[in-house]
């Protein structure tokens, strides 16, 4: 075989191994990037995002009107994600992502709106982690 062909095959093999290792690393960093946006017209307090049932409670704290925050949650088997917060009208609890499992990756965008309304959109991928922790970079 010609030397340039051997070098090309060596580079190709190295590239495949590198992609495989990156895939293992990314899969090990699975989770959901949750972005919170406060459009309520009020400061929000005691904000937390929780994986239910029995998962970790991710404390955000206080979020000013027009403020933004991000948390990275790692789902458990057959879970959902809830948002809890307090404002001038009381305490609120909303389910913001309906179904996730351990190993799922993706992004959820949560908008807290006036009159105690919450809007959420999600892009969850149960197979291929093309986002998740990379959303924070």
N, C-alpha and C. Protein backbone atom coordinates (compact mmCIF):
# COMPACT_ATOMS: atom_id res chain seq x y z
N UNK A 1 0.85 -1.16 0.00
CA UNK A 1 0.00 0.00 0.00
C UNK A 1 0.90 1.24 0.00
N UNK A 2 0.46 2.27 -0.63
CA UNK A 2 1.20 3.52 -0.74
C UNK A 2 1.21 4.23 0.61
N UNK A 3 2.30 4.92 0.93
CA UNK A 3 2.46 5.57 2.22
C UNK A 3 1.35 6.61 2.49
N UNK A 4 0.96 7.40 1.50
CA UNK A 4 -0.09 8.40 1.69
C UNK A 4 -1.43 7.73 2.02
N UNK A 5 -1.67 6.56 1.45
CA UNK A 5 -2.90 5.82 1.77
C UNK A 5 -2.89 5.36 3.22
N UNK A 6 -1.74 4.90 3.68
CA UNK A 6 -1.62 4.46 5.07
C UNK A 6 -1.82 5.63 6.04
N UNK A 7 -1.27 6.80 5.70
CA UNK A 7 -1.45 7.98 6.54
C UNK A 7 -2.92 8.39 6.57
N UNK A 8 -3.58 8.32 5.43
CA UNK A 8 -5.00 8.68 5.36
C UNK A 8 -5.83 7.72 6.21
N UNK A 9 -5.55 6.40 6.11
CA UNK A 9 -6.29 5.42 6.91
C UNK A 9 -6.03 5.63 8.40
N UNK A 10 -4.79 5.97 8.76
CA UNK A 10 -4.46 6.24 10.16
C UNK A 10 -5.21 7.46 10.68
N UNK A 11 -5.30 8.50 9.86
CA UNK A 11 -6.04 9.71 10.26
C UNK A 11 -7.52 9.41 10.41
N UNK A 12 -8.05 8.62 9.49
CA UNK A 12 -9.46 8.25 9.55
C UNK A 12 -9.75 7.44 10.81
N UNK A 13 -8.90 6.48 11.12
CA UNK A 13 -9.07 5.66 12.33
C UNK A 13 -9.00 6.53 13.59
N UNK A 14 -8.06 7.46 13.62
CA UNK A 14 -7.93 8.36 14.76
C UNK A 14 -9.20 9.21 14.90
N UNK A 15 -9.73 9.69 13.79
CA UNK A 15 -10.94 10.50 13.81
C UNK A 15 -12.14 9.73 14.34
N UNK A 16 -12.27 8.48 13.94
CA UNK A 16 -13.38 7.64 14.40
C UNK A 16 -13.27 7.39 15.90
N UNK A 17 -12.07 7.09 16.37
CA UNK A 17 -11.86 6.87 17.79
C UNK A 17 -12.16 8.14 18.59
N UNK A 18 -11.71 9.28 18.07
CA UNK A 18 -11.95 10.56 18.74
C UNK A 18 -13.45 10.85 18.83
N UNK A 19 -14.18 10.65 17.75
CA UNK A 19 -15.64 10.86 17.77
C UNK A 19 -16.32 9.93 18.77
N UNK A 20 -15.86 8.70 18.84
CA UNK A 20 -16.42 7.74 19.78
C UNK A 20 -16.20 8.21 21.22
N UNK A 21 -15.00 8.66 21.52
CA UNK A 21 -14.69 9.14 22.87
C UNK A 21 -15.48 10.40 23.22
N UNK A 22 -15.64 11.29 22.26
CA UNK A 22 -16.45 12.49 22.48
C UNK A 22 -17.89 12.08 22.75
N UNK A 23 -18.40 11.12 22.02
CA UNK A 23 -19.76 10.62 22.21
C UNK A 23 -19.96 10.06 23.61
N UNK A 24 -18.98 9.32 24.12
CA UNK A 24 -19.06 8.78 25.48
C UNK A 24 -19.09 9.92 26.49
N UNK A 25 -18.23 10.93 26.29
CA UNK A 25 -18.18 12.07 27.21
C UNK A 25 -19.50 12.83 27.19
N UNK A 26 -20.02 13.13 26.02
CA UNK A 26 -21.27 13.88 25.92
C UNK A 26 -22.41 13.09 26.54
N UNK A 27 -22.49 11.81 26.26
CA UNK A 27 -23.58 11.00 26.82
C UNK A 27 -23.49 10.96 28.34
N UNK A 28 -22.29 11.02 28.87
CA UNK A 28 -22.11 11.04 30.31
C UNK A 28 -22.55 12.34 30.93
N UNK A 29 -22.75 13.38 30.14
CA UNK A 29 -23.16 14.68 30.62
C UNK A 29 -24.62 14.96 30.24
N UNK A 30 -25.44 13.93 30.21
CA UNK A 30 -26.83 14.07 29.80
C UNK A 30 -27.58 15.00 30.73
N UNK A 31 -28.68 15.51 30.26
CA UNK A 31 -29.53 16.34 31.09
C UNK A 31 -30.31 17.33 30.26
N UNK A 32 -31.07 18.15 30.94
CA UNK A 32 -31.94 19.13 30.30
C UNK A 32 -31.51 20.52 30.75
N UNK A 33 -31.21 21.39 29.80
CA UNK A 33 -30.91 22.79 30.09
C UNK A 33 -32.25 23.52 30.18
N UNK A 34 -32.55 24.06 31.34
CA UNK A 34 -33.82 24.77 31.57
C UNK A 34 -33.53 26.26 31.65
N UNK A 35 -34.08 27.02 30.71
CA UNK A 35 -33.92 28.48 30.68
C UNK A 35 -35.18 29.13 31.21
N UNK A 36 -35.02 30.00 32.19
CA UNK A 36 -36.16 30.71 32.79
C UNK A 36 -36.11 32.17 32.38
N UNK A 37 -37.25 32.72 31.97
CA UNK A 37 -37.36 34.12 31.58
C UNK A 37 -38.55 34.73 32.31
N UNK A 38 -38.30 35.78 33.08
CA UNK A 38 -39.37 36.41 33.86
C UNK A 38 -39.94 37.60 33.10
N UNK A 39 -41.15 37.44 32.59
CA UNK A 39 -41.88 38.51 31.92
C UNK A 39 -43.15 38.86 32.69
N UNK A 40 -43.16 38.56 33.99
CA UNK A 40 -44.38 38.70 34.79
C UNK A 40 -44.69 40.14 35.19
N UNK A 41 -43.69 41.00 35.15
CA UNK A 41 -43.88 42.37 35.63
C UNK A 41 -43.56 42.50 37.11
N UNK A 42 -43.15 41.41 37.75
CA UNK A 42 -42.84 41.41 39.18
C UNK A 42 -41.55 40.64 39.43
N UNK A 43 -40.93 40.93 40.53
CA UNK A 43 -39.79 40.12 40.98
C UNK A 43 -40.33 38.79 41.48
N UNK A 44 -39.66 37.71 41.12
CA UNK A 44 -40.06 36.38 41.58
C UNK A 44 -39.06 35.91 42.64
N UNK A 45 -39.55 35.21 43.66
CA UNK A 45 -38.71 34.74 44.75
C UNK A 45 -38.86 33.23 44.90
N UNK A 46 -37.92 32.67 45.66
CA UNK A 46 -37.96 31.25 46.00
C UNK A 46 -38.15 30.36 44.77
N UNK A 47 -37.47 30.71 43.70
CA UNK A 47 -37.61 29.93 42.45
C UNK A 47 -36.79 28.65 42.57
N UNK A 48 -37.41 27.55 42.19
CA UNK A 48 -36.69 26.29 42.12
C UNK A 48 -37.26 25.44 40.99
N UNK A 49 -36.40 24.64 40.43
CA UNK A 49 -36.77 23.69 39.38
C UNK A 49 -36.48 22.32 39.96
N UNK A 50 -37.45 21.42 39.86
CA UNK A 50 -37.29 20.11 40.50
C UNK A 50 -37.67 18.98 39.55
N UNK A 51 -36.90 17.92 39.62
CA UNK A 51 -37.22 16.69 38.90
C UNK A 51 -38.09 15.86 39.85
N UNK A 52 -39.29 15.55 39.40
CA UNK A 52 -40.26 14.80 40.21
C UNK A 52 -40.49 13.42 39.61
N UNK A 53 -40.76 12.44 40.38
CA UNK A 53 -40.85 12.42 41.83
C UNK A 53 -39.48 12.16 42.46
N UNK A 54 -39.27 12.80 43.59
CA UNK A 54 -38.11 12.52 44.42
C UNK A 54 -36.75 12.91 43.89
N UNK A 55 -36.71 13.74 42.86
CA UNK A 55 -35.42 14.14 42.30
C UNK A 55 -34.83 15.35 42.99
N UNK A 56 -33.75 15.81 42.47
CA UNK A 56 -33.04 16.95 43.04
C UNK A 56 -33.83 18.24 42.82
N UNK A 57 -33.74 19.13 43.80
CA UNK A 57 -34.37 20.44 43.76
C UNK A 57 -33.27 21.45 43.43
N UNK A 58 -33.36 22.10 42.28
CA UNK A 58 -32.34 23.05 41.82
C UNK A 58 -32.81 24.46 42.18
N UNK A 59 -32.18 25.07 43.19
CA UNK A 59 -32.56 26.40 43.68
C UNK A 59 -32.03 27.48 42.76
N UNK A 60 -32.91 28.39 42.37
CA UNK A 60 -32.53 29.54 41.54
C UNK A 60 -32.51 30.80 42.40
N UNK A 61 -33.44 30.92 43.34
CA UNK A 61 -33.49 32.08 44.22
C UNK A 61 -34.43 33.14 43.72
N UNK A 62 -33.89 34.35 43.47
CA UNK A 62 -34.68 35.53 43.07
C UNK A 62 -34.41 35.83 41.60
N UNK A 63 -35.47 36.26 40.90
CA UNK A 63 -35.34 36.63 39.50
C UNK A 63 -36.12 37.93 39.28
N UNK A 64 -35.41 38.99 38.93
CA UNK A 64 -36.04 40.29 38.68
C UNK A 64 -36.90 40.23 37.42
N UNK A 65 -37.83 41.19 37.32
CA UNK A 65 -38.63 41.30 36.10
C UNK A 65 -37.67 41.48 34.92
N UNK A 66 -37.92 40.80 33.84
CA UNK A 66 -37.09 40.76 32.63
C UNK A 66 -35.79 40.00 32.84
N UNK A 67 -35.62 39.37 34.00
CA UNK A 67 -34.41 38.60 34.29
C UNK A 67 -34.45 37.22 33.67
N UNK A 68 -33.25 36.64 33.56
CA UNK A 68 -33.10 35.29 33.00
C UNK A 68 -32.19 34.48 33.91
N UNK A 69 -32.43 33.17 33.90
CA UNK A 69 -31.58 32.25 34.64
C UNK A 69 -31.60 30.91 33.93
N UNK A 70 -30.55 30.11 34.16
CA UNK A 70 -30.49 28.77 33.58
C UNK A 70 -30.08 27.78 34.65
N UNK A 71 -30.66 26.59 34.56
CA UNK A 71 -30.25 25.48 35.39
C UNK A 71 -30.12 24.25 34.52
N UNK A 72 -29.26 23.35 34.93
CA UNK A 72 -29.05 22.10 34.21
C UNK A 72 -29.54 20.97 35.10
N UNK A 73 -30.60 20.29 34.69
CA UNK A 73 -31.17 19.23 35.51
C UNK A 73 -30.89 17.87 34.88
N UNK A 74 -30.75 16.88 35.75
CA UNK A 74 -30.54 15.52 35.28
C UNK A 74 -31.74 14.68 35.69
N UNK A 75 -32.54 14.26 34.69
CA UNK A 75 -33.76 13.52 35.00
C UNK A 75 -33.49 12.14 35.58
N UNK A 76 -34.52 11.64 36.23
CA UNK A 76 -34.51 10.29 36.75
C UNK A 76 -35.47 9.45 35.90
N UNK A 77 -35.53 8.19 36.17
CA UNK A 77 -36.44 7.33 35.41
C UNK A 77 -37.88 7.81 35.55
N UNK A 78 -38.56 7.92 34.42
CA UNK A 78 -39.96 8.34 34.34
C UNK A 78 -40.25 9.54 35.24
N UNK A 79 -39.68 10.68 34.88
CA UNK A 79 -39.79 11.90 35.67
C UNK A 79 -40.54 12.98 34.91
N UNK A 80 -40.84 14.06 35.60
CA UNK A 80 -41.29 15.30 34.99
C UNK A 80 -40.59 16.43 35.74
N UNK A 81 -40.60 17.61 35.15
CA UNK A 81 -39.88 18.75 35.73
C UNK A 81 -40.89 19.81 36.13
N UNK A 82 -40.77 20.28 37.38
CA UNK A 82 -41.68 21.31 37.87
C UNK A 82 -40.93 22.60 38.19
N UNK A 83 -41.66 23.70 38.13
CA UNK A 83 -41.17 25.02 38.49
C UNK A 83 -42.00 25.51 39.67
N UNK A 84 -41.32 25.96 40.72
CA UNK A 84 -41.98 26.53 41.89
C UNK A 84 -41.43 27.93 42.08
N UNK A 85 -42.32 28.89 42.37
CA UNK A 85 -41.89 30.26 42.64
C UNK A 85 -42.95 30.99 43.45
N UNK A 86 -42.54 32.10 44.05
CA UNK A 86 -43.45 32.97 44.80
C UNK A 86 -43.39 34.36 44.20
N UNK A 87 -44.52 35.04 44.24
CA UNK A 87 -44.59 36.44 43.83
C UNK A 87 -45.56 37.16 44.76
N UNK A 88 -45.98 38.34 44.40
CA UNK A 88 -46.89 39.12 45.25
C UNK A 88 -48.24 38.47 45.47
N UNK A 89 -48.64 37.54 44.63
CA UNK A 89 -49.97 36.92 44.76
C UNK A 89 -49.92 35.57 45.47
N UNK A 90 -48.73 35.06 45.75
CA UNK A 90 -48.64 33.77 46.46
C UNK A 90 -47.60 32.85 45.86
N UNK A 91 -47.76 31.57 46.19
CA UNK A 91 -46.85 30.52 45.74
C UNK A 91 -47.44 29.81 44.53
N UNK A 92 -46.59 29.40 43.60
CA UNK A 92 -47.07 28.76 42.36
C UNK A 92 -46.24 27.52 42.07
N UNK A 93 -46.90 26.51 41.53
CA UNK A 93 -46.25 25.27 41.13
C UNK A 93 -46.77 24.88 39.76
N UNK A 94 -45.87 24.71 38.80
CA UNK A 94 -46.24 24.37 37.42
C UNK A 94 -45.39 23.20 36.93
N UNK A 95 -45.99 22.27 36.22
CA UNK A 95 -45.23 21.26 35.50
C UNK A 95 -44.78 21.89 34.19
N UNK A 96 -43.46 21.94 33.95
CA UNK A 96 -42.96 22.63 32.76
C UNK A 96 -42.42 21.67 31.69
N UNK A 97 -42.07 20.45 32.09
CA UNK A 97 -41.71 19.40 31.13
C UNK A 97 -42.44 18.15 31.60
N UNK A 98 -43.28 17.62 30.72
CA UNK A 98 -44.18 16.54 31.11
C UNK A 98 -43.56 15.17 31.30
N UNK A 99 -42.57 14.81 30.50
CA UNK A 99 -42.03 13.46 30.62
C UNK A 99 -40.58 13.43 30.19
N UNK A 100 -39.72 12.97 31.07
CA UNK A 100 -38.31 12.74 30.76
C UNK A 100 -37.87 11.49 31.52
N UNK A 101 -36.79 10.91 31.04
CA UNK A 101 -36.20 9.75 31.70
C UNK A 101 -34.71 9.96 31.84
N UNK A 102 -34.10 9.14 32.65
CA UNK A 102 -32.65 9.16 32.80
C UNK A 102 -32.01 8.97 31.43
N UNK A 103 -31.05 9.82 31.09
CA UNK A 103 -30.38 9.72 29.80
C UNK A 103 -30.95 10.65 28.74
N UNK A 104 -32.12 11.25 28.98
CA UNK A 104 -32.68 12.19 28.02
C UNK A 104 -31.86 13.48 28.03
N UNK A 105 -31.78 14.12 26.89
CA UNK A 105 -31.04 15.38 26.75
C UNK A 105 -31.95 16.40 26.07
N UNK A 106 -31.58 17.66 26.22
CA UNK A 106 -32.33 18.68 25.51
C UNK A 106 -32.37 20.01 26.20
N UNK A 107 -33.40 20.77 25.84
CA UNK A 107 -33.54 22.14 26.29
C UNK A 107 -35.01 22.44 26.53
N UNK A 108 -35.29 23.20 27.60
CA UNK A 108 -36.64 23.66 27.87
C UNK A 108 -36.59 25.16 28.10
N UNK A 109 -37.46 25.89 27.43
CA UNK A 109 -37.56 27.35 27.57
C UNK A 109 -38.84 27.65 28.33
N UNK A 110 -38.70 28.30 29.49
CA UNK A 110 -39.84 28.61 30.34
C UNK A 110 -40.00 30.12 30.42
N UNK A 111 -41.22 30.60 30.15
CA UNK A 111 -41.54 32.03 30.26
C UNK A 111 -42.59 32.19 31.34
N UNK A 112 -42.26 32.98 32.36
CA UNK A 112 -43.22 33.30 33.41
C UNK A 112 -43.87 34.62 32.99
N UNK A 113 -45.17 34.58 32.75
CA UNK A 113 -45.92 35.69 32.17
C UNK A 113 -46.80 36.38 33.21
N UNK A 114 -47.37 37.53 32.87
CA UNK A 114 -48.30 38.20 33.79
C UNK A 114 -49.50 37.31 34.11
N UNK A 115 -50.18 37.63 35.21
CA UNK A 115 -51.39 36.95 35.65
C UNK A 115 -51.15 35.47 35.94
N UNK A 116 -50.00 35.16 36.50
CA UNK A 116 -49.67 33.80 36.95
C UNK A 116 -49.72 32.76 35.84
N UNK A 117 -49.37 33.15 34.64
CA UNK A 117 -49.33 32.20 33.52
C UNK A 117 -47.88 31.79 33.25
N UNK A 118 -47.71 30.56 32.82
CA UNK A 118 -46.38 30.04 32.48
C UNK A 118 -46.47 29.39 31.12
N UNK A 119 -45.54 29.74 30.26
CA UNK A 119 -45.45 29.16 28.92
C UNK A 119 -44.15 28.37 28.83
N UNK A 120 -44.22 27.18 28.26
CA UNK A 120 -42.99 26.39 28.12
C UNK A 120 -42.93 25.72 26.76
N UNK A 121 -41.72 25.61 26.26
CA UNK A 121 -41.47 24.84 25.03
C UNK A 121 -40.23 24.00 25.29
N UNK A 122 -40.19 22.86 24.67
CA UNK A 122 -39.08 21.95 24.92
C UNK A 122 -38.62 21.26 23.66
N UNK A 123 -37.37 20.91 23.68
CA UNK A 123 -36.76 20.12 22.62
C UNK A 123 -35.97 19.02 23.32
N UNK A 124 -36.61 17.88 23.53
CA UNK A 124 -36.02 16.79 24.29
C UNK A 124 -35.67 15.66 23.33
N UNK A 125 -34.47 15.13 23.48
CA UNK A 125 -34.00 14.05 22.62
C UNK A 125 -33.64 12.84 23.47
N UNK A 126 -34.42 11.74 23.36
CA UNK A 126 -34.12 10.57 24.18
C UNK A 126 -32.98 9.71 23.64
N UNK A 127 -32.50 9.97 22.43
CA UNK A 127 -31.51 9.09 21.82
C UNK A 127 -30.15 9.75 21.65
N UNK A 128 -30.11 10.91 21.04
CA UNK A 128 -28.84 11.53 20.68
C UNK A 128 -28.67 12.88 21.38
N UNK A 129 -27.66 12.99 22.21
CA UNK A 129 -27.42 14.21 22.99
C UNK A 129 -26.71 15.26 22.15
N UNK A 130 -27.45 16.01 21.37
CA UNK A 130 -26.81 17.01 20.54
C UNK A 130 -26.82 18.39 21.20
N UNK A 131 -27.43 18.51 22.37
CA UNK A 131 -27.49 19.80 23.05
C UNK A 131 -27.12 19.65 24.51
N UNK A 132 -28.08 19.75 25.38
CA UNK A 132 -27.99 19.71 26.83
C UNK A 132 -26.89 20.60 27.38
N UNK A 133 -25.81 20.04 27.98
CA UNK A 133 -24.82 20.87 28.67
C UNK A 133 -24.13 21.84 27.73
N UNK A 134 -24.13 21.59 26.44
CA UNK A 134 -23.51 22.51 25.49
C UNK A 134 -24.27 23.85 25.43
N UNK A 135 -25.54 23.85 25.88
CA UNK A 135 -26.35 25.07 25.89
C UNK A 135 -25.76 26.14 26.80
N UNK A 136 -24.91 25.73 27.75
CA UNK A 136 -24.36 26.68 28.70
C UNK A 136 -23.06 27.32 28.22
N UNK A 137 -22.54 26.87 27.12
CA UNK A 137 -21.26 27.39 26.62
C UNK A 137 -21.45 28.66 25.84
